[in-house]
Amino acid sequence: MLTNVSVSFESLQEGISRPDQIGEATDYIKNLQIKLEKMKEKKDNLTDIERSRNASMNMGLKSPQFKIQQMGSALEVVLVTGMDCQFIFNKTIRILQEEGSDIVNASYTVVENAVFHTIHCQVSNKFSTKPLNWCNFFPNLSK
């Protein structure tokens, strides 16, 4: 780039006085500085957008995890999700109720970008003898 600048200045030297050449060079450098500032601002904006996109993807796309323990007629379901996956908790409660369980207690804890839901229920005999395949209710879950 400096080669192009020096070549253009050499070609201009023939008909322009030294002070005018310096003035044009100063204007050219000022314009380059302005362009550089605009490019830096654009880069910073794009970097901020990318950071926020990555942060939202890390929070929102975390795969939910289930841990289910049955002890007699008591059932404990631990569900770990991202911050914006409240619908999975609601769907889990609905499924448990549809399958005949009585919700005794439900609580949650937030740790960084994860939400730990714990659901305690009492299940009927029908529920405890019938195997429940959670993947039928949540097809996006992997075993």
Protein backbone atom coordinates (compact mmCIF):
# COMPACT_ATOMS: atom_id res chain seq x y z
CA MET A 1 0.00 0.00 0.00
CA LEU A 2 2.86 2.39 0.77
CA THR A 3 4.32 1.62 -2.66
CA ASN A 4 1.07 2.78 -4.27
CA VAL A 5 1.14 5.94 -2.17
CA SER A 6 4.74 6.77 -3.09
CA VAL A 7 4.09 6.08 -6.79
CA SER A 8 1.06 8.36 -6.82
CA PHE A 9 3.00 11.07 -5.00
CA GLU A 10 5.91 10.78 -7.45
CA SER A 11 3.54 11.21 -10.37
CA LEU A 12 1.99 14.25 -8.70
CA GLN A 13 5.30 15.92 -7.87
CA GLU A 14 5.81 17.27 -11.35
CA GLY A 15 3.07 19.94 -11.28
CA ILE A 16 2.39 20.52 -7.59
CA SER A 17 4.41 22.52 -5.09
CA ARG A 18 5.98 20.84 -2.06
CA PRO A 19 3.55 22.43 0.49
CA ASP A 20 0.56 21.29 -1.62
CA GLN A 21 2.00 17.78 -1.84
CA ILE A 22 2.38 17.71 1.95
CA GLY A 23 -1.19 18.96 2.34
CA GLU A 24 -2.52 16.24 0.04
CA ALA A 25 -0.48 13.59 1.85
CA THR A 26 -1.83 14.82 5.19
CA ASP A 27 -5.42 14.69 3.90
CA TYR A 28 -4.84 11.20 2.51
CA ILE A 29 -3.47 9.97 5.86
CA LYS A 30 -6.40 11.55 7.74
CA ASN A 31 -8.84 9.78 5.40
CA LEU A 32 -7.04 6.48 6.01
CA GLN A 33 -7.28 7.04 9.76
CA ILE A 34 -11.01 7.69 9.51
CA LYS A 35 -11.49 4.53 7.42
CA LEU A 36 -9.42 2.57 9.93
CA GLU A 37 -11.56 3.83 12.84
CA LYS A 38 -14.75 2.87 11.00
CA MET A 39 -13.35 -0.59 10.30
CA LYS A 40 -12.37 -1.01 13.97
CA GLU A 41 -15.90 -0.03 15.05
CA LYS A 42 -17.41 -2.48 12.57
CA LYS A 43 -15.08 -5.24 13.79
CA ASP A 44 -16.00 -4.52 17.43
CA ASN A 45 -19.72 -4.62 16.58
CA LEU A 46 -19.36 -7.91 14.73
CA THR A 47 -17.29 -9.36 17.57
CA ASP A 48 -19.98 -8.35 20.09
CA ILE A 49 -22.69 -9.92 17.93
CA GLU A 50 -20.70 -13.15 17.63
CA ARG A 51 -20.05 -13.24 21.39
CA SER A 52 -23.72 -12.77 22.23
CA ARG A 53 -24.71 -15.39 19.63
CA ASN A 54 -22.24 -17.90 21.11
CA ALA A 55 -23.40 -17.13 24.65
CA SER A 56 -27.05 -17.64 23.75
CA MET A 57 -26.26 -20.85 21.90
CA ASN A 58 -24.30 -22.19 24.86
CA MET A 59 -27.19 -21.48 27.18
CA GLY A 60 -30.08 -22.44 24.95
CA LEU A 61 -28.79 -25.48 23.13
CA LYS A 62 -27.61 -27.46 26.12
CA SER A 63 -29.13 -30.93 25.80
CA PRO A 64 -31.47 -31.77 28.67
CA GLN A 65 -30.40 -34.60 30.93
CA PHE A 66 -32.69 -36.90 32.92
CA LYS A 67 -31.96 -39.04 35.94
CA ILE A 68 -34.92 -41.15 37.08
CA GLN A 69 -34.95 -43.22 40.26
CA GLN A 70 -37.87 -45.32 41.43
CA MET A 71 -37.99 -46.61 45.01
CA GLY A 72 -41.22 -48.53 45.50
CA SER A 73 -44.07 -46.14 44.85
CA ALA A 74 -41.79 -43.07 45.07
CA LEU A 75 -40.27 -41.63 41.93
CA GLU A 76 -37.56 -38.99 41.76
CA VAL A 77 -36.88 -37.24 38.47
CA VAL A 78 -33.85 -34.95 38.16
CA LEU A 79 -33.85 -32.83 35.03
CA VAL A 80 -30.90 -30.62 34.01
CA THR A 81 -31.57 -28.04 31.31
CA GLY A 82 -30.30 -24.73 29.96
CA MET A 83 -31.71 -21.42 31.16
CA ASP A 84 -34.40 -21.17 28.48
CA CYS A 85 -35.82 -24.71 28.61
CA GLN A 86 -38.73 -24.21 31.01
CA PHE A 87 -41.02 -25.96 28.51
CA ILE A 88 -39.20 -29.27 29.12
CA PHE A 89 -39.90 -29.04 32.86
CA ASN A 90 -43.57 -28.26 32.16
CA LYS A 91 -43.82 -31.14 29.69
CA THR A 92 -42.21 -33.54 32.20
CA ILE A 93 -44.74 -32.57 34.90
CA ARG A 94 -47.61 -33.02 32.43
CA ILE A 95 -46.36 -36.46 31.33
CA LEU A 96 -45.92 -37.63 34.92
CA GLN A 97 -49.48 -36.53 35.74
CA GLU A 98 -50.91 -38.10 32.57
CA GLU A 99 -49.24 -41.38 33.53
CA GLY A 100 -51.00 -41.36 36.88
CA SER A 101 -48.41 -40.01 39.28
CA ASP A 102 -49.12 -37.47 42.02
CA ILE A 103 -46.54 -34.70 42.21
CA VAL A 104 -45.46 -34.35 45.84
CA ASN A 105 -42.73 -31.75 45.43
CA ALA A 106 -40.94 -29.92 42.63
CA SER A 107 -37.95 -27.61 43.06
CA TYR A 108 -35.12 -26.15 41.05
CA THR A 109 -31.64 -24.70 41.51
CA VAL A 110 -29.74 -22.51 39.06
CA VAL A 111 -25.98 -23.00 38.75
CA GLU A 112 -24.31 -20.76 36.15
CA ASN A 113 -26.11 -21.58 32.86
CA ALA A 114 -27.80 -24.79 34.04
CA VAL A 115 -31.10 -25.35 35.83
CA PHE A 116 -31.40 -28.46 38.03
CA HIS A 117 -35.07 -29.48 38.47
CA THR A 118 -36.00 -32.14 41.02
CA ILE A 119 -39.47 -33.69 40.97
CA HIS A 120 -40.71 -36.09 43.67
CA CYS A 121 -43.89 -38.05 42.97
CA GLN A 122 -45.96 -40.95 44.17
CA VAL A 123 -46.78 -43.44 41.45
CA SER A 124 -49.64 -45.88 41.16
CA ASN A 125 -49.16 -49.62 40.64
CA LYS A 126 -50.12 -49.18 36.98
CA PHE A 127 -47.28 -46.70 36.52
CA SER A 128 -44.66 -48.72 38.37
CA THR A 129 -45.22 -51.90 36.32
CA LYS A 130 -45.39 -50.14 32.97
CA PRO A 131 -41.96 -49.18 31.52
CA LEU A 132 -41.84 -45.58 30.42
CA ASN A 133 -39.72 -44.65 27.42
CA TRP A 134 -38.87 -40.97 27.84
CA CYS A 135 -37.52 -40.75 24.30
CA ASN A 136 -41.09 -41.16 23.01
CA PHE A 137 -42.00 -37.92 24.78
CA PHE A 138 -38.74 -36.09 24.01
CA PRO A 139 -37.57 -37.30 20.58
CA ASN A 140 -34.58 -34.91 20.62
CA LEU A 141 -33.08 -36.64 23.65
CA SER A 142 -30.23 -39.05 23.12
CA LYS A 143 -29.75 -42.02 25.38
